[in-house]
Amino acid sequence: MTSIDKRTRFVGDTAPIDTDWLFDELPSILRDTGALGARGVEVLGLTTFGLDIDGVGAHLAVDNGSLVVREGDADDGPIALLDVDALSNLMQDLASTFGTTLAGGVQFRRGTADEFIAWEPVLRAILDARPVYEPGSIEFIARDGGPLDVRQSFRIDSPREDVGHFLAEAGYLHLEGVFTEAEMAAVSAELSDAVAAATLDDGASWWARNDDGWFASRILGFNLKSPALRELLDSDRFRTIGTFTDDEMVQRTPHEGDSAEGLDKKPGVVEGISDVSWHKDCSLGGHSRRCCGMTVGISVTGADQQSGELGLVPGSHRANVQQVNLRHDLDLPRVALPTRTGDVTVHCSCTLHMSRPPASRGRRVVYTGFGLAARPGDVVETLSPEEIRRNRAALNDQTRNLQRRDDFGVDVETFELETTT
């Protein structure tokens, strides 16, 4: 069976956590997973993890080969100031360390945002029993048992078993020639109309700034503005993408809600959201309940090193690593995915990826995707389209605030990628 389903928790299986949980329940969890956490601390070169929850202090530290929780402050390591709701969300994977930072839900009495975020793999090790990735522990094996070529491409009608195996091993796909240049031209024309109609305060677009000024870099809910796109998303060609593994996948519906976003990337961006550095789509939290979904990129125009193609880290969807930016010692390869007009890229929601900033010309791409079907036991909260839109639009301002910080993204890889032609 070929699967990319990594879920270990059910949607809705949460309960409020307060500071008593740190001292009454966490110790029993650590008796089972503390050694796993201690190994992660060693691999990542961390010290201690301090918390100040509404004035109640605690910290995680390694003691005799196991991670333990203690009252009060440690002598070193970050000390994160959280309220009890943020603690509850963090410990139950409703929010990650990065998601908490991005939303402005944490301050620091000592240490930096980078030091706080570096602990994410260890938290998931102790709370979800996911070992922290160790160099050399992931192999890439082809269906015939030989080494997998992580730079190969496929067609939409390539053998399903070959495509699905590659997706499960590498965490992404490059599908050549799915749509025609004429089909992409129709989508591009409607994207131009949507960009022209966007305004800074419309709550339906993301904005970025280059030397020419502010521009709409992403149109939310573009599926509702583009009949040409909806026709393609309804096609058998597109729906085939959801069948490559044996998982039950549910397509984002083209006809309602914000199921697709149109991106207009330009060179020279100095502020705002346009070119997103290395990250996983689950970096805000929720990996244990939703991964792996599939993010699908439709190349409205071609992409290469000059126009800013997609970059990915093969195998990272199988690795419990930092979810944003890359440590210099991560031994997994970085692969560029140049595309032609009409090609499609697919990546798992927990595959590390980034968009190389355009150098000399821009590019256009539409992102949509598929999610894993709900399971018995999942209690799915239905959000209104308006609330989904507000949450998505808020990332525009949150990212600009993050860009102004001097304690995030220091001494890590952000856009480093192999050279392509």
Protein backbone atom coordinates (compact mmCIF):
# COMPACT_ATOMS: atom_id res chain seq x y z
CA MET A 1 0.00 0.00 0.00
CA THR A 2 1.31 3.43 -0.96
CA SER A 3 0.41 6.10 1.58
CA ILE A 4 1.45 9.59 2.66
CA ASP A 5 -0.88 9.58 5.70
CA LYS A 6 1.22 10.59 8.73
CA ARG A 7 -1.64 11.37 11.15
CA THR A 8 -1.29 10.31 14.79
CA ARG A 9 -4.05 12.43 16.39
CA PHE A 10 -7.71 12.96 15.61
CA VAL A 11 -9.16 16.31 14.67
CA GLY A 12 -11.05 17.68 17.67
CA ASP A 13 -9.38 15.44 20.29
CA THR A 14 -8.31 18.34 22.49
CA ALA A 15 -9.08 19.49 26.01
CA PRO A 16 -8.01 22.63 27.87
CA ILE A 17 -4.57 22.37 29.47
CA ASP A 18 -3.41 24.56 32.35
CA THR A 19 -0.20 24.87 34.32
CA ASP A 20 -1.13 21.90 36.55
CA TRP A 21 -0.75 19.70 33.47
CA LEU A 22 2.98 20.51 33.35
CA PHE A 23 3.58 18.93 36.75
CA ASP A 24 0.72 16.41 37.03
CA GLU A 25 0.55 14.81 33.56
CA LEU A 26 3.64 15.73 31.55
CA PRO A 27 5.99 13.72 33.84
CA SER A 28 4.12 10.50 33.05
CA ILE A 29 4.36 11.26 29.33
CA LEU A 30 8.08 11.84 29.67
CA ARG A 31 8.55 8.46 31.35
CA ASP A 32 7.64 6.97 27.96
CA THR A 33 9.19 9.51 25.57
CA GLY A 34 11.79 11.35 27.65
CA ALA A 35 14.68 9.33 26.22
CA LEU A 36 13.47 10.13 22.71
CA GLY A 37 13.39 13.81 23.62
CA ALA A 38 16.85 13.71 25.22
CA ARG A 39 18.29 12.19 22.06
CA GLY A 40 16.72 15.02 20.06
CA VAL A 41 18.28 17.60 22.37
CA GLU A 42 21.68 15.99 21.81
CA VAL A 43 21.29 15.78 18.02
CA LEU A 44 20.19 19.42 17.73
CA GLY A 45 22.68 20.76 20.25
CA LEU A 46 20.05 22.37 22.50
CA THR A 47 20.21 23.16 26.22
CA THR A 48 16.95 23.73 28.13
CA PHE A 49 13.46 24.92 27.23
CA GLY A 50 11.98 27.41 29.67
CA LEU A 51 8.33 28.41 30.04
CA ASP A 52 6.67 31.20 32.02
CA ILE A 53 2.93 30.58 31.92
CA ASP A 54 1.14 33.54 33.45
CA GLY A 55 3.86 33.72 36.07
CA VAL A 56 4.28 29.97 36.65
CA GLY A 57 7.80 28.86 35.71
CA ALA A 58 8.88 25.47 34.38
CA HIS A 59 11.59 24.10 32.12
CA LEU A 60 12.55 20.98 30.23
CA ALA A 61 16.06 19.63 30.82
CA VAL A 62 17.98 16.42 30.21
CA ASP A 63 18.67 14.38 33.34
CA ASN A 64 20.38 10.98 33.18
CA GLY A 65 19.51 10.38 29.54
CA SER A 66 15.89 11.49 29.72
CA LEU A 67 14.06 14.77 29.27
CA VAL A 68 12.33 15.85 32.48
CA VAL A 69 10.20 18.80 33.56
CA ARG A 70 11.21 20.89 36.54
CA GLU A 71 9.75 23.88 38.32
CA GLY A 72 11.30 27.33 38.00
CA ASP A 73 13.94 28.66 35.61
CA ALA A 74 17.03 26.94 34.27
CA ASP A 75 20.40 28.66 34.12
CA ASP A 76 20.44 28.78 30.32
CA GLY A 77 18.20 28.32 27.28
CA PRO A 78 15.20 30.35 26.15
CA ILE A 79 12.39 31.33 28.51
CA ALA A 80 9.12 31.81 26.62
CA LEU A 81 6.31 33.86 28.13
CA LEU A 82 2.95 32.34 27.15
CA ASP A 83 -0.59 32.54 28.43
CA VAL A 84 -2.38 29.33 29.34
CA ASP A 85 -4.28 29.16 26.03
CA ALA A 86 -1.04 29.36 24.05
CA LEU A 87 0.43 26.60 26.24
CA SER A 88 -2.62 24.42 25.62
CA ASN A 89 -2.42 24.93 21.86
CA LEU A 90 1.33 24.30 21.74
CA MET A 91 1.26 21.10 23.75
CA GLN A 92 -1.59 19.65 21.68
CA ASP A 93 -0.20 20.59 18.25
CA LEU A 94 -2.93 23.08 17.53
CA ALA A 95 -0.13 25.59 17.12
CA SER A 96 3.59 25.11 16.66
CA THR A 97 6.41 27.17 18.13
CA PHE A 98 6.61 29.02 14.80
CA GLY A 99 2.83 29.46 14.57
CA THR A 100 2.79 30.86 18.09
CA THR A 101 5.62 33.26 17.22
CA LEU A 102 4.04 34.40 13.96
CA ALA A 103 0.72 35.15 15.67
CA GLY A 104 2.45 37.23 18.34
CA GLY A 105 1.51 34.77 21.07
CA VAL A 106 4.93 34.57 22.76
CA GLN A 107 7.43 36.97 24.28
CA PHE A 108 10.86 36.11 25.65
CA ARG A 109 12.31 36.81 29.06
CA ARG A 110 15.50 35.20 27.77
CA GLY A 111 16.56 33.91 24.39
CA THR A 112 15.27 34.44 20.87
CA ALA A 113 12.51 33.32 18.55
CA ASP A 114 15.01 31.11 16.71
CA GLU A 115 15.95 29.32 19.95
CA PHE A 116 12.26 28.78 20.77
CA ILE A 117 11.44 27.44 17.30
CA ALA A 118 14.47 25.12 17.35
CA TRP A 119 12.73 23.09 20.07
CA GLU A 120 9.76 22.17 17.86
CA PRO A 121 11.14 18.75 16.77
CA VAL A 122 11.87 17.84 20.41
CA LEU A 123 8.36 18.82 21.51
CA ARG A 124 6.89 16.58 18.81
CA ALA A 125 9.24 13.79 19.87
CA ILE A 126 7.99 13.81 23.46
CA LEU A 127 4.34 14.57 22.70
CA ASP A 128 3.82 12.51 19.53
CA ALA A 129 6.66 9.95 19.82
CA ARG A 130 8.28 11.14 16.57
CA PRO A 131 12.07 10.70 16.76
CA VAL A 132 14.05 13.80 15.84
CA TYR A 133 15.67 13.32 12.44
CA GLU A 134 19.27 12.11 12.53
CA PRO A 135 21.66 12.47 9.57
CA GLY A 136 21.72 9.43 7.31
CA SER A 137 18.47 7.94 8.62
CA ILE A 138 16.44 8.52 5.43
CA GLU A 139 17.10 6.59 2.20
CA PHE A 140 15.58 7.08 -1.25
CA ILE A 141 14.69 3.72 -2.77
CA ALA A 142 13.12 3.14 -6.20
CA ARG A 143 10.38 0.57 -6.82
CA ASP A 144 12.98 -1.88 -8.17
CA GLY A 145 15.03 -1.58 -4.98
CA GLY A 146 17.75 0.60 -6.49
CA PRO A 147 18.52 4.25 -5.67
CA LEU A 148 15.74 6.73 -6.45
CA ASP A 149 16.45 9.56 -8.89
CA VAL A 150 14.99 12.49 -6.95
CA ARG A 151 15.08 14.75 -10.04
CA GLN A 152 12.85 12.71 -12.32
CA SER A 153 9.60 13.99 -13.81
CA PHE A 154 6.35 12.29 -14.80
CA ARG A 155 3.30 12.79 -17.03
CA ILE A 156 -0.27 12.75 -15.80
CA ASP A 157 -0.72 9.36 -17.51
CA SER A 158 2.51 7.80 -16.19
CA PRO A 159 2.00 4.48 -14.37
CA ARG A 160 0.15 5.26 -11.15
CA GLU A 161 2.32 2.93 -9.10
CA ASP A 162 5.52 4.69 -10.22
CA VAL A 163 4.16 8.16 -9.52
CA GLY A 164 2.71 7.22 -6.14
CA HIS A 165 5.89 5.51 -5.02
CA PHE A 166 7.97 8.56 -5.92
CA LEU A 167 5.58 10.89 -4.08
CA ALA A 168 5.71 8.72 -0.94
CA GLU A 169 9.52 8.50 -1.05
CA ALA A 170 10.50 12.03 -2.12
CA GLY A 171 7.47 14.05 -0.98
CA TYR A 172 6.80 15.86 -4.26
CA LEU A 173 6.14 15.47 -8.00
CA HIS A 174 6.84 17.30 -11.24
CA LEU A 175 4.12 16.53 -13.80
CA GLU A 176 4.96 17.72 -17.29
CA GLY A 177 2.49 19.12 -19.81
CA VAL A 178 -0.73 18.70 -17.83
CA PHE A 179 -2.31 21.83 -19.32
CA THR A 180 -1.83 23.66 -22.63
CA GLU A 181 -0.34 27.10 -23.19
CA ALA A 182 -3.74 28.34 -24.41
CA GLU A 183 -5.40 27.16 -21.18
CA MET A 184 -2.73 28.91 -19.14
CA ALA A 185 -3.11 32.10 -21.15
CA ALA A 186 -6.83 32.18 -20.29
CA VAL A 187 -6.08 31.72 -16.59
CA SER A 188 -3.35 34.39 -16.74
CA ALA A 189 -5.71 36.92 -18.31
CA GLU A 190 -8.22 36.40 -15.49
CA LEU A 191 -5.42 36.68 -12.93
CA SER A 192 -4.47 40.03 -14.47
CA ASP A 193 -8.05 41.21 -14.00
CA ALA A 194 -8.07 40.05 -10.38
CA VAL A 195 -4.74 41.75 -9.64
CA ALA A 196 -5.96 45.00 -11.19
CA ALA A 197 -9.11 44.93 -9.05
CA ALA A 198 -7.29 44.20 -5.76
CA THR A 199 -6.74 46.88 -3.14
CA LEU A 200 -4.44 46.96 -0.12
CA ASP A 201 -7.29 46.79 2.39
CA ASP A 202 -9.63 44.38 0.61
CA GLY A 203 -8.86 41.45 2.93
CA ALA A 204 -8.70 39.22 -0.15
CA SER A 205 -5.10 39.60 -1.26
CA TRP A 206 -1.51 39.59 -0.04
CA TRP A 207 0.81 42.44 -0.95
CA ALA A 208 4.53 42.89 -1.50
CA ARG A 209 6.77 45.85 -2.33
CA ASN A 210 9.61 46.25 -4.81
CA ASP A 211 11.23 49.38 -6.26
CA ASP A 212 8.08 50.06 -8.27
CA GLY A 213 5.91 50.12 -5.13
CA TRP A 214 3.30 47.85 -3.58
CA PHE A 215 1.57 45.20 -5.70
CA ALA A 216 -0.92 42.38 -5.13
CA SER A 217 1.30 39.30 -4.98
CA ARG A 218 -1.42 36.77 -4.16
CA ILE A 219 -5.16 36.71 -4.86
CA LEU A 220 -7.10 34.69 -2.30
CA GLY A 221 -10.12 32.79 -3.57
CA PHE A 222 -8.91 33.10 -7.15
CA ASN A 223 -11.05 30.10 -8.06
CA LEU A 224 -14.13 32.31 -7.59
CA LYS A 225 -12.70 34.92 -9.97
CA SER A 226 -11.55 32.61 -12.77
CA PRO A 227 -14.02 30.51 -14.78
CA ALA A 228 -11.10 29.22 -16.85
CA LEU A 229 -9.40 27.89 -13.73
CA ARG A 230 -12.57 26.25 -12.41
CA GLU A 231 -12.96 24.37 -15.68
CA LEU A 232 -9.44 22.98 -15.35
CA LEU A 233 -9.93 22.04 -11.70
CA ASP A 234 -13.06 20.11 -12.72
CA SER A 235 -11.16 18.17 -15.39
CA ASP A 236 -10.18 14.50 -15.20
CA ARG A 237 -6.57 15.56 -15.76
CA PHE A 238 -6.53 17.48 -12.50
CA ARG A 239 -8.58 14.99 -10.47
CA THR A 240 -6.16 12.22 -11.41
CA ILE A 241 -3.60 13.88 -9.11
CA GLY A 242 -5.63 12.82 -6.07
CA THR A 243 -5.43 9.13 -7.05
CA PHE A 244 -1.67 8.50 -7.11
CA THR A 245 -1.56 6.99 -3.60
CA ASP A 246 -3.94 4.58 -1.88
CA ASP A 247 -5.09 7.33 0.50
CA GLU A 248 -8.59 8.76 0.20
CA MET A 249 -8.01 12.34 -0.90
CA VAL A 250 -10.60 15.12 -1.03
CA GLN A 251 -10.13 17.89 -3.58
CA ARG A 252 -10.62 21.49 -2.50
CA THR A 253 -13.90 22.33 -4.22
CA PRO A 254 -13.40 24.73 -7.14
CA HIS A 255 -16.84 26.31 -6.88
CA GLU A 256 -16.97 27.69 -3.34
CA GLY A 257 -14.67 29.05 -0.69
CA ASP A 258 -11.02 29.96 -1.10
CA SER A 259 -9.84 26.74 -2.70
CA ALA A 260 -7.20 28.25 -5.01
CA GLU A 261 -4.84 31.22 -4.88
CA GLY A 262 -3.32 33.06 -7.82
CA LEU A 263 0.26 34.28 -7.35
CA ASP A 264 1.93 37.06 -9.34
CA LYS A 265 5.63 37.00 -8.43
CA LYS A 266 7.91 39.89 -9.36
CA PRO A 267 11.66 40.52 -8.97
CA GLY A 268 13.17 42.75 -6.34
CA VAL A 269 10.73 42.29 -3.45
CA VAL A 270 11.97 43.98 -0.28
CA GLU A 271 8.90 43.73 1.95
CA GLY A 272 5.72 41.66 2.26
CA ILE A 273 4.78 38.15 1.21
CA SER A 274 5.90 37.04 -2.20
CA ASP A 275 8.89 34.71 -1.99
CA VAL A 276 8.49 32.42 1.01
CA SER A 277 11.69 30.89 2.40
CA TRP A 278 12.09 27.25 3.45
CA HIS A 279 9.03 25.99 5.32
CA LYS A 280 6.51 23.18 5.64
CA ASP A 281 2.86 23.93 4.97
CA CYS A 282 2.12 22.49 8.43
CA SER A 283 4.60 24.89 10.03
CA LEU A 284 1.86 26.80 11.88
CA GLY A 285 0.77 23.59 13.64
CA GLY A 286 -1.49 20.60 13.12
CA HIS A 287 0.87 18.14 11.43
CA SER A 288 -0.32 15.27 13.62
CA ARG A 289 -3.95 15.75 12.52
CA ARG A 290 -3.77 16.70 8.85
CA CYS A 291 -0.55 15.58 7.15
CA CYS A 292 0.06 14.81 4.48
CA GLY A 293 -2.26 16.76 2.29
CA MET A 294 -1.08 17.65 -1.20
CA THR A 295 -0.37 21.20 -2.37
CA VAL A 296 -0.70 21.49 -6.14
CA GLY A 297 0.99 24.26 -8.12
CA ILE A 298 -0.17 24.99 -11.66
CA SER A 299 2.54 26.75 -13.70
CA VAL A 300 0.63 29.55 -15.41
CA THR A 301 4.00 30.64 -16.72
CA GLY A 302 7.22 28.65 -16.75
CA ALA A 303 9.65 28.84 -13.83
CA ASP A 304 13.43 28.67 -13.71
CA GLN A 305 16.28 30.23 -11.75
CA GLN A 306 15.68 33.65 -13.32
CA SER A 307 11.94 33.69 -12.63
CA GLY A 308 12.11 31.91 -9.27
CA GLU A 309 11.28 28.21 -9.41
CA LEU A 310 10.14 25.97 -6.58
CA GLY A 311 12.77 24.31 -4.39
CA LEU A 312 12.21 21.23 -2.22
CA VAL A 313 14.01 19.03 0.29
CA PRO A 314 13.44 15.38 -0.71
CA GLY A 315 12.37 13.12 2.14
CA SER A 316 11.68 15.97 4.55
CA HIS A 317 8.03 14.91 4.85
CA ARG A 318 9.38 11.77 6.54
CA ALA A 319 11.68 13.73 8.85
CA ASN A 320 10.92 15.42 12.17
CA VAL A 321 12.99 18.53 11.50
CA GLN A 322 12.58 22.24 12.07
CA GLN A 323 9.55 23.39 10.07
CA VAL A 324 10.85 26.80 8.96
CA ASN A 325 14.29 27.73 7.59
CA LEU A 326 16.98 25.06 7.32
CA ARG A 327 19.79 24.20 9.68
CA HIS A 328 23.13 24.18 7.89
CA ASP A 329 23.76 20.61 9.09
CA LEU A 330 20.65 19.11 7.47
CA ASP A 331 22.10 16.45 5.16
CA LEU A 332 19.06 15.98 2.90
CA PRO A 333 19.45 17.35 -0.67
CA ARG A 334 17.93 20.62 -1.90
CA VAL A 335 16.33 20.15 -5.33
CA ALA A 336 15.07 22.80 -7.76
CA LEU A 337 11.96 22.11 -9.86
CA PRO A 338 12.07 24.26 -13.00
CA THR A 339 8.82 24.01 -14.98
CA ARG A 340 7.33 24.90 -18.34
CA THR A 341 4.00 26.62 -18.87
CA GLY A 342 1.23 24.10 -18.12
CA ASP A 343 3.35 21.85 -15.90
CA VAL A 344 2.12 20.97 -12.41
CA THR A 345 4.07 20.51 -9.19
CA VAL A 346 2.78 18.56 -6.19
CA HIS A 347 4.27 18.55 -2.72
CA CYS A 348 3.20 16.98 0.53
CA SER A 349 2.05 19.43 3.18
CA CYS A 350 5.02 18.54 5.38
CA THR A 351 7.69 18.63 2.66
CA LEU A 352 10.15 21.47 3.17
CA HIS A 353 9.95 23.81 0.19
CA MET A 354 10.50 27.40 -0.83
CA SER A 355 10.11 29.73 -3.79
CA ARG A 356 13.39 31.13 -5.08
CA PRO A 357 13.05 34.94 -5.46
CA PRO A 358 12.78 35.95 -9.15
CA ALA A 359 16.01 37.47 -10.44
CA SER A 360 15.25 39.05 -13.80
CA ARG A 361 11.61 38.28 -14.61
CA GLY A 362 8.47 37.30 -12.75
CA ARG A 363 6.27 34.25 -12.91
CA ARG A 364 2.70 33.24 -12.24
CA VAL A 365 1.40 30.14 -10.49
CA VAL A 366 -1.90 28.95 -9.02
CA TYR A 367 -1.91 26.91 -5.81
CA THR A 368 -4.71 24.58 -4.76
CA GLY A 369 -4.72 21.00 -3.51
CA PHE A 370 -6.14 17.90 -1.87
CA GLY A 371 -6.58 16.93 1.78
CA LEU A 372 -6.83 13.57 3.50
CA ALA A 373 -10.42 12.48 4.02
CA ALA A 374 -11.78 12.67 7.58
CA ARG A 375 -11.62 9.45 9.61
CA PRO A 376 -14.07 8.01 12.11
CA GLY A 377 -13.11 9.83 15.29
CA ASP A 378 -12.37 13.15 13.62
CA VAL A 379 -14.63 15.96 14.84
CA VAL A 380 -14.24 18.60 12.18
CA GLU A 381 -15.14 22.16 13.08
CA THR A 382 -16.72 23.95 10.15
CA LEU A 383 -15.47 27.51 9.70
CA SER A 384 -17.36 29.99 7.59
CA PRO A 385 -15.76 31.09 4.30
CA GLU A 386 -15.48 34.57 5.78
CA GLU A 387 -13.50 33.36 8.81
CA ILE A 388 -11.21 31.23 6.65
CA ARG A 389 -10.57 34.27 4.47
CA ARG A 390 -9.85 36.50 7.49
CA ASN A 391 -7.39 33.98 8.95
CA ARG A 392 -5.58 33.61 5.64
CA ALA A 393 -5.49 37.36 4.98
CA ALA A 394 -4.07 38.00 8.47
CA LEU A 395 -0.87 36.17 7.50
CA ASN A 396 -0.02 39.16 5.30
CA ASP A 397 0.44 41.52 8.27
CA GLN A 398 1.82 38.81 10.56
CA THR A 399 4.58 38.03 8.07
CA ARG A 400 5.52 41.69 7.71
CA ASN A 401 5.81 41.92 11.49
CA LEU A 402 8.02 38.82 11.53
CA GLN A 403 10.27 40.30 8.85
CA ARG A 404 10.98 43.24 11.15
CA ARG A 405 12.29 41.02 13.97
CA ASP A 406 16.03 40.67 14.53
CA ASP A 407 15.78 37.33 16.40
CA PHE A 408 14.26 35.19 13.64
CA GLY A 409 15.98 33.59 10.66
CA VAL A 410 19.52 34.23 11.91
CA ASP A 411 22.32 31.86 10.78
CA VAL A 412 20.01 29.51 8.88
CA GLU A 413 19.39 28.72 5.22
CA THR A 414 16.47 30.67 3.76
CA PHE A 415 16.71 30.59 -0.05
CA GLU A 416 19.83 28.49 -0.73
CA LEU A 417 19.27 26.12 -3.67
CA GLU A 418 21.17 24.35 -6.43
CA THR A 419 21.94 26.21 -9.66
CA THR A 420 19.72 25.35 -12.63
CA THR A 421 19.63 26.31 -16.27
